[in-house]
Protein backbone atom coordinates (compact mmCIF):
# COMPACT_ATOMS: atom_id res chain seq x y z
CA MET A 1 9.39 -45.13 -7.46
CA ILE A 2 8.31 -42.04 -5.52
CA SER A 3 5.14 -40.40 -6.74
CA LEU A 4 4.98 -36.79 -7.85
CA ARG A 5 2.77 -36.03 -4.84
CA ALA A 6 5.33 -37.51 -2.42
CA THR A 7 8.14 -35.56 -4.11
CA ALA A 8 6.17 -32.32 -3.75
CA PHE A 9 5.47 -33.08 -0.09
CA PHE A 10 9.16 -33.69 0.68
CA ALA A 11 10.15 -30.55 -1.22
CA PHE A 12 7.65 -28.59 0.88
CA LEU A 13 9.14 -30.02 4.09
CA LEU A 14 12.62 -29.02 3.00
CA LEU A 15 11.68 -25.53 1.85
CA ALA A 16 9.19 -24.59 4.59
CA PRO A 17 11.86 -23.65 7.19
CA ALA A 18 13.68 -21.50 4.62
CA ALA A 19 10.46 -19.74 3.66
CA HIS A 20 9.65 -19.11 7.32
CA ALA A 21 13.15 -17.77 7.96
CA GLU A 22 12.75 -15.46 4.97
CA GLU A 23 9.40 -14.16 6.26
CA SER A 24 10.83 -13.45 9.70
CA ARG A 25 13.30 -11.00 8.12
CA PHE A 26 10.33 -8.76 7.30
CA THR A 27 8.88 -6.74 10.15
CA THR A 28 6.64 -3.69 10.43
CA GLY A 29 7.39 -0.27 11.88
CA PRO A 30 8.74 2.11 12.92
CA VAL A 31 6.14 4.43 11.33
CA ILE A 32 3.22 2.14 10.50
CA ALA A 33 3.14 -0.44 13.27
CA ASP A 34 0.73 -3.03 11.87
CA TYR A 35 1.33 -2.81 8.11
CA GLY A 36 4.14 -2.48 5.60
CA PRO A 37 6.63 -5.21 6.52
CA VAL A 38 10.15 -4.58 5.25
CA ALA A 39 13.57 -6.17 5.60
CA ASN A 40 16.68 -4.35 6.70
CA VAL A 41 19.24 -4.29 3.89
CA GLU A 42 22.83 -4.20 5.08
CA GLY A 43 25.29 -2.55 2.71
CA ALA A 44 22.67 -0.63 0.71
CA VAL A 45 23.68 2.70 -0.78
CA PRO A 46 23.18 5.19 2.07
CA ILE A 47 20.37 7.73 1.79
CA PRO A 48 21.50 11.18 2.91
CA ALA A 49 19.71 12.22 6.12
CA HIS A 50 18.40 15.43 4.54
CA THR A 51 16.66 13.56 1.69
CA ARG A 52 13.07 14.56 1.00
CA PHE A 53 10.61 12.33 -0.81
CA LYS A 54 7.35 13.32 -2.52
CA VAL A 55 5.96 10.14 -4.05
CA VAL A 56 2.59 9.14 -5.45
CA PHE A 57 1.40 5.54 -5.78
CA ASP A 58 -1.09 4.59 -8.48
CA VAL A 59 -3.43 1.82 -7.32
CA SER A 60 -5.72 0.28 -9.93
CA GLU A 61 -6.13 -3.38 -8.97
CA GLY A 62 -8.65 -4.23 -6.30
CA ALA A 63 -7.85 -6.62 -3.48
CA GLU A 64 -9.54 -9.97 -3.10
CA PRO A 65 -12.66 -9.71 -0.92
CA GLY A 66 -11.65 -9.47 2.74
CA ALA A 67 -7.95 -8.88 1.93
CA VAL A 68 -5.71 -5.84 2.32
CA ASN A 69 -4.75 -4.22 -0.97
CA ARG A 70 -1.02 -4.85 -1.36
CA ALA A 71 -0.56 -1.78 -3.55
CA ILE A 72 -2.07 0.47 -0.87
CA GLU A 73 0.14 -1.27 1.70
CA SER A 74 3.16 -0.30 -0.43
CA ALA A 75 2.85 3.22 0.95
CA ALA A 76 3.27 1.82 4.48
CA ARG A 77 6.30 -0.17 3.30
CA PHE A 78 7.79 2.99 1.78
CA LEU A 79 7.37 4.90 5.05
CA ASN A 80 8.75 2.07 7.19
CA MET A 81 11.77 1.22 5.05
CA HIS A 82 12.91 4.80 4.59
CA ALA A 83 12.44 5.68 8.26
CA ARG A 84 14.59 2.65 9.12
CA ALA A 85 17.17 3.89 6.63
CA GLY A 86 17.41 7.16 8.53
CA VAL A 87 15.04 9.44 6.60
CA ARG A 88 12.89 11.49 8.96
CA PRO A 89 9.20 10.67 8.44
CA SER A 90 8.52 14.42 8.29
CA ASN A 91 10.66 14.46 5.11
CA ILE A 92 8.41 11.89 3.42
CA ARG A 93 5.25 13.07 1.68
CA LEU A 94 3.15 10.35 0.07
CA ALA A 95 -0.06 10.27 -1.92
CA ILE A 96 -2.11 7.42 -3.28
CA VAL A 97 -4.34 7.70 -6.33
CA VAL A 98 -6.94 4.93 -6.39
CA ARG A 99 -8.77 4.00 -9.58
CA GLY A 100 -10.27 1.05 -11.41
CA SER A 101 -11.36 -1.96 -9.40
CA ALA A 102 -9.36 -0.67 -6.40
CA THR A 103 -12.03 2.03 -5.99
CA ARG A 104 -14.04 -0.33 -3.81
CA ASP A 105 -11.02 -0.73 -1.49
CA VAL A 106 -11.50 2.84 -0.21
CA ALA A 107 -15.26 2.51 0.40
CA VAL A 108 -16.69 1.85 3.85
CA HIS A 109 -18.42 -1.25 2.45
CA PRO A 110 -16.53 -2.53 -0.64
CA ARG A 111 -19.44 -4.85 -1.40
CA PRO A 112 -22.89 -5.01 0.20
CA GLY A 113 -22.56 -6.14 3.82
CA GLU A 114 -18.76 -6.45 3.64
CA THR A 115 -16.49 -4.64 6.09
CA ASN A 116 -13.45 -3.04 4.47
CA ALA A 117 -10.22 -4.94 5.30
CA ASN A 118 -8.29 -1.82 4.24
CA ALA A 119 -10.00 0.59 6.64
CA ALA A 120 -7.44 0.39 9.48
CA LEU A 121 -4.50 0.63 7.05
CA ILE A 122 -6.02 3.66 5.31
CA ALA A 123 -6.77 5.35 8.65
CA ASP A 124 -3.17 4.76 9.76
CA LEU A 125 -1.77 6.12 6.48
CA ILE A 126 -3.96 9.21 6.69
CA ALA A 127 -2.89 9.70 10.33
CA HIS A 128 0.68 9.81 8.97
CA ASN A 129 -0.21 12.53 6.43
CA VAL A 130 -0.63 10.28 3.38
CA GLU A 131 -3.09 11.87 0.97
CA ILE A 132 -5.52 9.43 -0.63
CA TYR A 133 -7.50 10.34 -3.74
CA VAL A 134 -10.06 8.23 -5.54
CA CYS A 135 -10.79 8.69 -9.23
CA GLY A 136 -14.25 10.23 -9.64
CA GLN A 137 -14.68 8.52 -12.99
CA SER A 138 -13.98 5.10 -11.46
CA ALA A 139 -16.24 5.95 -8.53
CA ALA A 140 -19.06 6.73 -10.97
CA HIS A 141 -18.41 3.47 -12.85
CA TYR A 142 -18.44 1.37 -9.66
CA GLU A 143 -21.37 3.37 -8.21
CA VAL A 144 -19.33 4.56 -5.23
CA GLU A 145 -20.63 7.87 -3.90
CA ARG A 146 -18.61 10.45 -1.95
CA SER A 147 -20.60 9.45 1.15
CA ASP A 148 -19.48 5.82 0.65
CA LEU A 149 -15.78 6.64 1.02
CA LEU A 150 -13.72 6.00 4.13
CA PRO A 151 -13.05 9.11 6.24
CA ASN A 152 -10.60 11.61 4.71
CA VAL A 153 -10.36 9.82 1.35
CA GLN A 154 -10.67 12.61 -1.20
CA LEU A 155 -12.74 12.41 -4.37
CA ALA A 156 -10.89 13.73 -7.42
CA LEU A 157 -12.45 14.54 -10.78
CA SER A 158 -10.32 11.74 -12.22
CA ALA A 159 -7.12 9.82 -11.57
CA MET A 160 -5.54 11.72 -14.45
CA THR A 161 -6.44 15.02 -12.75
CA ALA A 162 -5.09 13.89 -9.38
CA HIS A 163 -1.80 12.71 -10.92
CA ALA A 164 -1.40 15.96 -12.90
CA MET A 165 -2.02 18.09 -9.82
CA LEU A 166 0.35 16.02 -7.67
CA GLN A 167 3.03 16.23 -10.36
CA GLN A 168 2.68 20.02 -10.35
CA ARG A 169 3.30 19.88 -6.59
CA GLY A 170 6.57 17.98 -7.17
CA TYR A 171 5.44 14.38 -6.62
CA THR A 172 7.09 11.59 -8.58
CA LEU A 173 5.24 8.44 -9.60
CA ASN A 174 6.37 5.27 -7.85
CA PRO A 175 6.65 2.55 -10.48
């Protein structure tokens, strides 16, 4: 009889090529070159070329130490996938509101002595006109000062305030 461990090993061998093939369908660019991998979707409902997006992402869960925050990377995916679908990047306005344990992911040093794995992604997003706000209430809770934030990350009074102000400017919340 084959052991459970052997069965799992053989299943891995059979599924590994399929998983690799699936991963290779996801590539980065054309807007954010090193982040935001997306797959091309043939037959998707076309997006009219004149479409304009104003979308805000709410990021509350912090990344594992040394890892990129997948919720922050979602903004890069949004830019890349819609540019590939024919929407001009100049017609895409994005904002990210960071709160909760994700607050540390926008600090120069998320933890003492640790370099921020999100720094290059955040710099690239900001270079592509993505506005990034951090909740001042979360910053106070996590003892993150304005001077601790990565360049051009903006300190809001609260996440609630940032969302309300962005909504007044026509932004919709990405679920």
